[in-house]
Amino acid sequence: LDKYQYLKKIKLQNFRSYREIEINFSDKHVVLVGPNGSGKTNLLEAISLLLPGRGIRSAKKDLLPLRNPFSQSISNEWAAHFSLQIENRLKEISIGIKPNDNNNRQSRIYKVDGIVVKGKEISEFLSINWLTPSMQNIIIGEENLRRKFFDRMICSLDPLHKSRINKLEKLGKERFKLIENQIRDETWFSVLEKEIAELSIAIIVARQNFTVKLDQLMSNPNNSFFPPVRILWTGMVEDLLVDMPALDVEENFANYLKIKRKEGIYSLFGPSNSILKIWFTKSGLTSEFCSTGQQKSILVSIILAFSKLLSKLNNYHSFLLLDEVASHLDEKHFRALFEESLNVSSQIWMTGTNEAAFKKLESSSKLQYFVINDSNITQLVDM
């Protein structure tokens, strides 16, 4: 692995609650302390947007620019600049949006050392993982949340996964439009459904391959606070893939779509119907029957395993963003999470409403503290 990398400087302009701020950091892990609504999560969100996607809040791009609280006017552009120290090298990374000729906001622009790059190029030397209280819904909420969560993790390792998902969605809409308009061109449908089948199998196989790697790590945890957890995708296509080569499954699935279409059933099935089964190895209890504490433990286990997997597959550790986790987990589990994360993370960023929980950490000497009030940041040398 490369030596420890860390964010040395962050500068935000017109981002969320920050009109303009610049702050320097040492190579220690970061604690942001302040009341709710002070701007702590906004700072973590800016970091999470270094990579493609909607970031830690899954926010739409219209919500990112600075909004005037009195007039409700929104800034036309925002920017975030980061100085990333990697060994003895310093990379300057910029992200943001600026209005185009029609004064409409564009997609995010990425620059590395002043040169415009594609977002996926940044993932060649940087990865980010995070845990927030709202992510508990991934375990207790609808299946769609789990699918999106796992797809996001896969996309951070394989940007083409997102392209396949987007294309599948586009083809699904095209197929439905043909049906709606009562188009009878069977050749057109055949080509569409064949491509839909190919994309569906590719997405499901990517999920399975990723989940096998994650499952190996989760089934053999290093820390007793996080018991062994197993994960497995189930569904019609997944069942077929157990006994049949992927090419044969593609053919069968395309034929299945045709048969269902003839029957007047137009759903796509496949990736949008896959179910993730999660259970504790020792008790055999699946996640929906677990206690709230056990469900939190499952989520933390997934996050830890993903950090380990990122380190294993890359030549660098990932950044870890922990938003209000000290209030989300009990003291023992929070301490266990932090200590485990030290081994598989580069710089860890944590937020909280007071510093007490962080001072109790065994490695508290490795922390630097910053107080945030109304999006004003002050470094405290000694807490």
Protein backbone atom coordinates (compact mmCIF):
# COMPACT_ATOMS: atom_id res chain seq x y z
CA LEU A 1 0.00 0.00 0.00
CA ASP A 2 1.02 3.59 -0.55
CA LYS A 3 1.94 5.49 2.56
CA TYR A 4 -0.75 7.34 4.46
CA GLN A 5 -2.63 9.91 2.40
CA TYR A 6 -4.64 12.77 3.81
CA LEU A 7 -6.47 15.96 2.91
CA LYS A 8 -4.09 18.81 3.68
CA LYS A 9 -6.39 21.66 2.71
CA ILE A 10 -10.05 22.21 1.82
CA LYS A 11 -11.50 25.34 0.28
CA LEU A 12 -15.25 25.68 -0.33
CA GLN A 13 -17.02 28.38 -2.33
CA ASN A 14 -20.81 28.76 -2.46
CA PHE A 15 -21.29 25.17 -1.33
CA ARG A 16 -24.30 24.39 0.86
CA SER A 17 -23.99 26.68 3.92
CA TYR A 18 -20.42 27.80 3.09
CA ARG A 19 -20.00 31.05 1.18
CA GLU A 20 -16.22 30.83 1.28
CA ILE A 21 -13.92 29.03 3.65
CA GLU A 22 -10.38 27.66 3.56
CA ILE A 23 -8.88 25.45 6.24
CA ASN A 24 -5.68 23.42 6.63
CA PHE A 25 -5.35 20.00 8.24
CA SER A 26 -2.51 17.88 9.57
CA ASP A 27 -2.10 14.18 8.81
CA LYS A 28 -4.14 13.21 11.90
CA HIS A 29 -7.73 12.01 11.78
CA VAL A 30 -10.33 14.78 11.93
CA VAL A 31 -13.10 15.45 14.45
CA LEU A 32 -15.68 18.14 13.63
CA VAL A 33 -17.60 19.25 16.72
CA GLY A 34 -20.65 21.51 16.73
CA PRO A 35 -24.40 21.73 17.26
CA ASN A 36 -26.87 20.25 14.81
CA GLY A 37 -27.22 22.40 11.71
CA SER A 38 -23.80 24.00 12.13
CA GLY A 39 -22.38 22.70 8.83
CA LYS A 40 -20.53 19.54 9.89
CA THR A 41 -22.25 17.18 7.45
CA ASN A 42 -21.94 19.76 4.66
CA LEU A 43 -18.16 19.50 4.94
CA LEU A 44 -18.25 15.69 4.82
CA GLU A 45 -20.59 15.90 1.84
CA ALA A 46 -18.09 18.05 -0.07
CA ILE A 47 -15.44 15.36 0.50
CA SER A 48 -17.81 12.59 -0.59
CA LEU A 49 -18.44 14.40 -3.89
CA LEU A 50 -14.79 13.95 -4.86
CA LEU A 51 -16.00 10.78 -6.54
CA PRO A 52 -18.89 10.49 -9.04
CA GLY A 53 -22.35 10.05 -7.58
CA ARG A 54 -24.62 11.95 -5.24
CA GLY A 55 -22.36 11.70 -2.21
CA ILE A 56 -23.07 11.10 1.43
CA ARG A 57 -26.58 12.60 1.34
CA SER A 58 -27.64 11.28 -2.10
CA ALA A 59 -28.63 14.89 -2.79
CA LYS A 60 -29.85 16.25 -6.11
CA LYS A 61 -27.42 18.73 -7.66
CA ASP A 62 -29.86 21.65 -7.23
CA LEU A 63 -29.46 21.36 -3.45
CA LEU A 64 -25.67 21.78 -3.43
CA PRO A 65 -25.17 25.49 -4.26
CA LEU A 66 -25.34 28.13 -1.51
CA ARG A 67 -28.88 29.34 -0.88
CA ASN A 68 -29.52 32.80 0.56
CA PRO A 69 -31.68 32.16 3.68
CA PHE A 70 -33.49 35.49 3.31
CA SER A 71 -34.17 35.79 -0.42
CA GLN A 72 -33.96 32.03 -1.15
CA SER A 73 -31.85 32.92 -4.19
CA ILE A 74 -29.43 30.19 -5.25
CA SER A 75 -25.85 30.62 -6.39
CA ASN A 76 -25.21 29.80 -10.05
CA GLU A 77 -21.96 27.99 -9.28
CA TRP A 78 -20.10 26.23 -6.51
CA ALA A 79 -16.61 24.83 -6.12
CA ALA A 80 -14.60 22.71 -3.71
CA HIS A 81 -10.81 22.53 -3.81
CA PHE A 82 -8.74 19.86 -2.05
CA SER A 83 -5.03 19.44 -1.52
CA LEU A 84 -4.40 15.70 -1.25
CA GLN A 85 -1.06 14.60 0.20
CA ILE A 86 0.08 11.18 -1.05
CA GLU A 87 3.49 10.20 0.28
CA ASN A 88 5.71 13.11 -0.82
CA ARG A 89 3.35 14.14 -3.63
CA LEU A 90 0.67 16.80 -3.49
CA LYS A 91 -2.35 16.58 -5.81
CA GLU A 92 -4.67 19.55 -6.24
CA ILE A 93 -8.24 18.40 -6.93
CA SER A 94 -11.12 20.70 -7.81
CA ILE A 95 -14.78 19.87 -8.29
CA GLY A 96 -17.80 22.07 -8.91
CA ILE A 97 -20.31 23.43 -11.38
CA LYS A 98 -20.57 26.65 -13.32
CA PRO A 99 -23.38 27.95 -15.52
CA ASN A 100 -23.35 27.19 -19.22
CA ASP A 101 -24.41 29.59 -21.98
CA ASN A 102 -28.08 29.17 -21.12
CA ASN A 103 -27.38 29.83 -17.43
CA ASN A 104 -28.35 26.25 -16.61
CA ARG A 105 -26.18 24.35 -14.17
CA GLN A 106 -24.03 21.70 -15.76
CA SER A 107 -22.80 18.36 -14.52
CA ARG A 108 -19.91 18.34 -12.09
CA ILE A 109 -16.51 19.32 -13.43
CA TYR A 110 -13.41 17.57 -12.10
CA LYS A 111 -9.85 18.88 -12.29
CA VAL A 112 -6.60 17.35 -11.09
CA ASP A 113 -3.61 19.71 -10.96
CA GLY A 114 -5.53 22.13 -13.17
CA ILE A 115 -6.37 19.61 -15.90
CA VAL A 116 -10.00 18.62 -16.56
CA VAL A 117 -10.51 14.88 -16.01
CA LYS A 118 -13.37 12.42 -15.84
CA GLY A 119 -14.64 11.71 -12.35
CA LYS A 120 -13.73 8.03 -12.59
CA GLU A 121 -10.05 8.99 -13.07
CA ILE A 122 -9.92 10.26 -9.49
CA SER A 123 -10.86 6.79 -8.23
CA GLU A 124 -7.50 5.57 -9.56
CA PHE A 125 -5.80 7.16 -6.55
CA LEU A 126 -8.63 7.91 -4.11
CA SER A 127 -11.55 6.02 -2.57
CA ILE A 128 -14.13 7.08 0.00
CA ASN A 129 -16.38 5.09 2.33
CA TRP A 130 -18.93 6.45 4.80
CA LEU A 131 -21.43 5.69 7.52
CA THR A 132 -24.34 7.92 8.57
CA PRO A 133 -27.32 7.38 10.92
CA SER A 134 -29.78 7.55 8.00
CA MET A 135 -28.07 4.53 6.42
CA GLN A 136 -29.82 2.33 8.98
CA ASN A 137 -32.70 2.34 6.46
CA ILE A 138 -30.50 0.23 4.20
CA ILE A 139 -30.95 -2.68 6.60
CA ILE A 140 -34.55 -2.11 7.73
CA GLY A 141 -35.99 -0.38 4.65
CA GLU A 142 -37.13 -1.49 1.22
CA GLU A 143 -35.13 -3.88 -0.98
CA ASN A 144 -34.53 -1.07 -3.45
CA LEU A 145 -32.37 0.75 -0.88
CA ARG A 146 -30.12 -2.29 -0.48
CA ARG A 147 -29.79 -2.69 -4.24
CA LYS A 148 -28.83 0.97 -4.68
CA PHE A 149 -26.38 0.80 -1.75
CA PHE A 150 -24.57 -2.23 -3.14
CA ASP A 151 -24.59 -0.79 -6.65
CA ARG A 152 -22.94 2.39 -5.31
CA MET A 153 -20.19 0.35 -3.68
CA ILE A 154 -19.64 -1.64 -6.88
CA CYS A 155 -19.54 1.57 -8.95
CA SER A 156 -16.65 2.88 -6.84
CA LEU A 157 -14.66 -0.15 -8.03
CA ASP A 158 -16.13 -0.46 -11.53
CA PRO A 159 -17.52 2.78 -13.08
CA LEU A 160 -18.96 0.74 -15.97
CA HIS A 161 -21.46 -0.79 -13.55
CA LYS A 162 -23.28 2.55 -13.35
CA SER A 163 -23.26 2.84 -17.15
CA ARG A 164 -24.90 -0.57 -17.44
CA ILE A 165 -27.59 0.35 -14.89
CA ASN A 166 -28.35 3.62 -16.68
CA LYS A 167 -28.49 1.91 -20.08
CA LEU A 168 -30.78 -0.84 -18.75
CA GLU A 169 -33.14 1.80 -17.39
CA LYS A 170 -33.15 3.61 -20.75
CA LEU A 171 -33.84 0.41 -22.71
CA GLY A 172 -36.61 -0.54 -20.29
CA LYS A 173 -38.34 2.80 -20.92
CA GLU A 174 -37.89 2.37 -24.68
CA ARG A 175 -39.45 -1.12 -24.56
CA PHE A 176 -42.38 0.11 -22.49
CA LYS A 177 -42.97 3.01 -24.89
CA LEU A 178 -43.14 0.59 -27.83
CA ILE A 179 -45.69 -1.49 -25.94
CA GLU A 180 -47.67 1.61 -24.96
CA ASN A 181 -47.76 2.81 -28.57
CA GLN A 182 -48.83 -0.69 -29.68
CA ILE A 183 -45.83 -1.15 -31.97
CA ARG A 184 -45.85 -4.72 -33.33
CA ASP A 185 -42.30 -4.86 -34.72
CA GLU A 186 -41.09 -8.19 -33.33
CA THR A 187 -37.55 -7.68 -34.71
CA TRP A 188 -37.23 -4.43 -32.80
CA PHE A 189 -38.47 -6.09 -29.60
CA SER A 190 -36.09 -9.01 -30.14
CA VAL A 191 -33.05 -6.73 -30.36
CA LEU A 192 -34.19 -4.70 -27.32
CA GLU A 193 -34.93 -7.71 -25.14
CA LYS A 194 -31.68 -9.40 -26.07
CA GLU A 195 -29.72 -6.31 -24.99
CA ILE A 196 -31.83 -5.96 -21.84
CA ALA A 197 -31.04 -9.59 -20.98
CA GLU A 198 -27.30 -9.10 -21.57
CA LEU A 199 -27.18 -5.99 -19.36
CA SER A 200 -29.31 -7.61 -16.66
CA ILE A 201 -27.03 -10.64 -16.39
CA ALA A 202 -23.90 -8.43 -16.38
CA ILE A 203 -25.32 -6.32 -13.52
CA ILE A 204 -26.37 -9.35 -11.48
CA VAL A 205 -23.05 -11.15 -12.00
CA ALA A 206 -21.18 -7.98 -10.92
CA ARG A 207 -23.30 -7.87 -7.76
CA GLN A 208 -22.65 -11.55 -7.06
CA ASN A 209 -18.88 -11.30 -7.59
CA PHE A 210 -18.63 -8.23 -5.36
CA THR A 211 -20.84 -9.76 -2.66
CA VAL A 212 -18.78 -12.97 -2.55
CA LYS A 213 -15.68 -10.88 -1.74
CA LEU A 214 -17.55 -8.85 0.89
CA ASP A 215 -19.13 -11.98 2.37
CA GLN A 216 -15.71 -13.58 2.91
CA LEU A 217 -14.63 -10.59 5.00
CA MET A 218 -17.91 -10.30 6.94
CA SER A 219 -18.03 -13.99 7.76
CA ASN A 220 -14.59 -13.79 9.44
CA PRO A 221 -14.52 -10.52 11.45
CA ASN A 222 -11.44 -9.50 13.42
CA ASN A 223 -13.44 -7.95 16.26
CA SER A 224 -15.83 -9.78 18.60
CA PHE A 225 -18.11 -6.71 18.73
CA PHE A 226 -19.12 -7.47 15.15
CA PRO A 227 -20.30 -11.10 14.91
CA PRO A 228 -20.04 -13.10 11.66
CA VAL A 229 -22.58 -11.96 9.07
CA ARG A 230 -23.39 -13.60 5.73
CA ILE A 231 -24.88 -11.99 2.62
CA LEU A 232 -26.31 -13.55 -0.55
CA TRP A 233 -28.30 -12.32 -3.56
CA THR A 234 -31.43 -14.30 -4.42
CA GLY A 235 -33.87 -14.06 -7.33
CA MET A 236 -35.04 -15.72 -10.51
CA VAL A 237 -31.91 -14.90 -12.52
CA GLU A 238 -29.62 -15.68 -9.58
CA ASP A 239 -31.20 -19.13 -9.29
CA LEU A 240 -30.66 -19.79 -13.00
CA LEU A 241 -26.99 -18.76 -12.76
CA VAL A 242 -26.35 -21.49 -10.17
CA ASP A 243 -26.72 -24.30 -12.71
CA MET A 244 -26.45 -22.57 -16.07
CA PRO A 245 -23.73 -20.63 -17.97
CA ALA A 246 -24.33 -16.88 -18.18
CA LEU A 247 -24.82 -16.98 -21.98
CA ASP A 248 -27.60 -19.56 -21.63
CA VAL A 249 -29.21 -17.50 -18.87
CA GLU A 250 -29.18 -14.45 -21.17
CA GLU A 251 -31.00 -16.41 -23.86
CA ASN A 252 -33.53 -17.82 -21.40
CA PHE A 253 -34.14 -14.41 -19.85
CA ALA A 254 -34.68 -12.71 -23.24
CA ASN A 255 -37.18 -15.43 -24.12
CA TYR A 256 -38.87 -15.00 -20.72
CA LEU A 257 -39.31 -11.26 -21.37
CA LYS A 258 -40.91 -12.07 -24.74
CA ILE A 259 -43.31 -14.60 -23.20
CA LYS A 260 -44.34 -12.20 -20.44
CA ARG A 261 -44.82 -9.39 -22.96
CA LYS A 262 -47.16 -11.63 -24.98
CA GLU A 263 -49.05 -12.33 -21.74
CA GLY A 264 -49.44 -8.58 -21.11
CA ILE A 265 -46.90 -8.47 -18.25
CA TYR A 266 -44.37 -5.75 -19.01
CA SER A 267 -42.11 -5.62 -15.93
CA LEU A 268 -38.38 -6.13 -16.55
CA PHE A 269 -37.71 -8.43 -13.58
CA GLY A 270 -33.98 -9.21 -13.24
CA PRO A 271 -31.78 -6.68 -11.33
CA SER A 272 -34.78 -4.65 -10.15
CA ASN A 273 -36.23 -7.70 -8.41
CA SER A 274 -33.10 -9.14 -6.80
CA ILE A 275 -33.28 -9.61 -3.03
CA LEU A 276 -30.28 -9.39 -0.71
CA LYS A 277 -30.46 -11.92 2.11
CA ILE A 278 -28.49 -10.92 5.24
CA TRP A 279 -28.20 -13.12 8.33
CA PHE A 280 -26.13 -13.71 11.45
CA THR A 281 -24.15 -16.92 11.12
CA LYS A 282 -24.50 -18.10 14.73
CA SER A 283 -28.22 -17.44 15.30
CA GLY A 284 -29.35 -17.87 11.71
CA LEU A 285 -31.60 -14.82 12.16
CA THR A 286 -32.14 -12.79 9.01
CA SER A 287 -31.81 -9.01 9.28
CA GLU A 288 -35.55 -8.26 9.40
CA PHE A 289 -35.91 -10.34 12.58
CA CYS A 290 -32.86 -8.87 14.34
CA SER A 291 -32.94 -6.31 17.13
CA THR A 292 -32.15 -2.66 16.38
CA GLY A 293 -28.70 -3.13 17.91
CA GLN A 294 -28.03 -6.17 15.74
CA GLN A 295 -29.20 -4.32 12.64
CA LYS A 296 -26.78 -1.48 13.40
CA SER A 297 -24.05 -4.05 13.88
CA ILE A 298 -24.82 -5.54 10.45
CA LEU A 299 -24.50 -2.14 8.80
CA VAL A 300 -21.20 -1.42 10.53
CA SER A 301 -19.93 -4.86 9.48
CA ILE A 302 -20.72 -4.07 5.84
CA ILE A 303 -18.95 -0.69 6.04
CA LEU A 304 -15.86 -2.22 7.68
CA ALA A 305 -15.74 -5.05 5.16
CA PHE A 306 -15.99 -2.56 2.29
CA SER A 307 -13.07 -0.54 3.70
CA LYS A 308 -11.04 -3.74 3.93
CA LEU A 309 -11.99 -4.73 0.40
CA LEU A 310 -11.03 -1.30 -0.98
CA SER A 311 -7.61 -1.61 0.68
CA LYS A 312 -7.20 -5.14 -0.64
CA LEU A 313 -8.08 -4.25 -4.24
CA ASN A 314 -6.34 -0.85 -4.39
CA ASN A 315 -2.82 0.20 -3.48
CA TYR A 316 -4.14 2.78 -1.03
CA HIS A 317 -6.53 2.98 1.94
CA SER A 318 -9.90 4.70 1.61
CA PHE A 319 -11.03 7.83 3.40
CA LEU A 320 -13.75 7.06 5.95
CA LEU A 321 -16.49 9.57 6.79
CA LEU A 322 -18.37 8.87 10.04
CA ASP A 323 -21.27 11.30 10.49
CA GLU A 324 -22.71 11.44 14.03
CA VAL A 325 -21.76 7.80 14.51
CA ALA A 326 -20.88 8.29 18.18
CA SER A 327 -24.55 9.07 18.86
CA HIS A 328 -25.69 6.27 16.56
CA LEU A 329 -23.66 3.48 18.20
CA ASP A 330 -23.03 2.68 21.85
CA GLU A 331 -19.61 3.56 23.23
CA LYS A 332 -18.11 0.06 22.91
CA HIS A 333 -19.20 -0.44 19.30
CA PHE A 334 -18.09 3.05 18.30
CA ARG A 335 -14.66 2.44 19.83
CA ALA A 336 -14.42 -0.95 18.10
CA LEU A 337 -15.39 0.58 14.76
CA PHE A 338 -12.80 3.34 15.08
CA GLU A 339 -9.97 1.03 16.16
CA GLU A 340 -10.75 -1.43 13.35
CA SER A 341 -10.95 1.40 10.83
CA LEU A 342 -7.47 2.63 11.74
CA ASN A 343 -6.03 -0.46 10.04
CA VAL A 344 -7.92 -0.08 6.75
CA SER A 345 -8.51 3.67 6.37
CA SER A 346 -6.35 6.64 5.55
CA GLN A 347 -7.77 9.80 7.11
CA ILE A 348 -10.94 9.25 9.17
CA TRP A 349 -13.39 12.16 9.40
CA MET A 350 -15.91 12.16 12.27
CA THR A 351 -18.63 14.55 13.40
CA GLY A 352 -20.40 14.94 16.73
CA THR A 353 -22.17 17.45 18.94
CA ASN A 354 -19.50 17.28 21.66
CA GLU A 355 -15.98 15.98 22.03
CA ALA A 356 -16.53 13.63 25.00
CA ALA A 357 -17.06 10.46 22.96
CA PHE A 358 -13.90 11.07 20.93
CA LYS A 359 -11.72 11.75 23.98
CA LYS A 360 -12.56 8.26 25.24
CA LEU A 361 -11.04 6.59 22.18
CA GLU A 362 -7.80 4.73 22.88
CA SER A 363 -6.14 6.41 19.92
CA SER A 364 -7.46 9.89 20.74
CA SER A 365 -3.92 11.27 20.42
CA LYS A 366 -4.21 10.64 16.68
CA LEU A 367 -7.07 13.15 16.37
CA GLN A 368 -7.24 16.84 15.44
CA TYR A 369 -10.30 18.78 16.55
CA PHE A 370 -12.27 21.54 14.83
CA VAL A 371 -15.30 23.39 16.15
CA ILE A 372 -18.02 24.44 13.68
CA ASN A 373 -20.62 27.11 14.41
CA ASP A 374 -22.81 28.59 11.66
CA SER A 375 -20.38 27.21 9.05
CA ASN A 376 -17.43 28.95 10.71
CA ILE A 377 -14.58 26.55 11.51
CA THR A 378 -12.04 26.98 14.27
CA GLN A 379 -9.25 24.57 15.11
CA LEU A 380 -8.78 23.74 18.77
CA VAL A 381 -5.23 22.70 19.57
CA ASP A 382 -6.19 20.96 22.81
CA MET A 383 -9.64 19.67 23.65
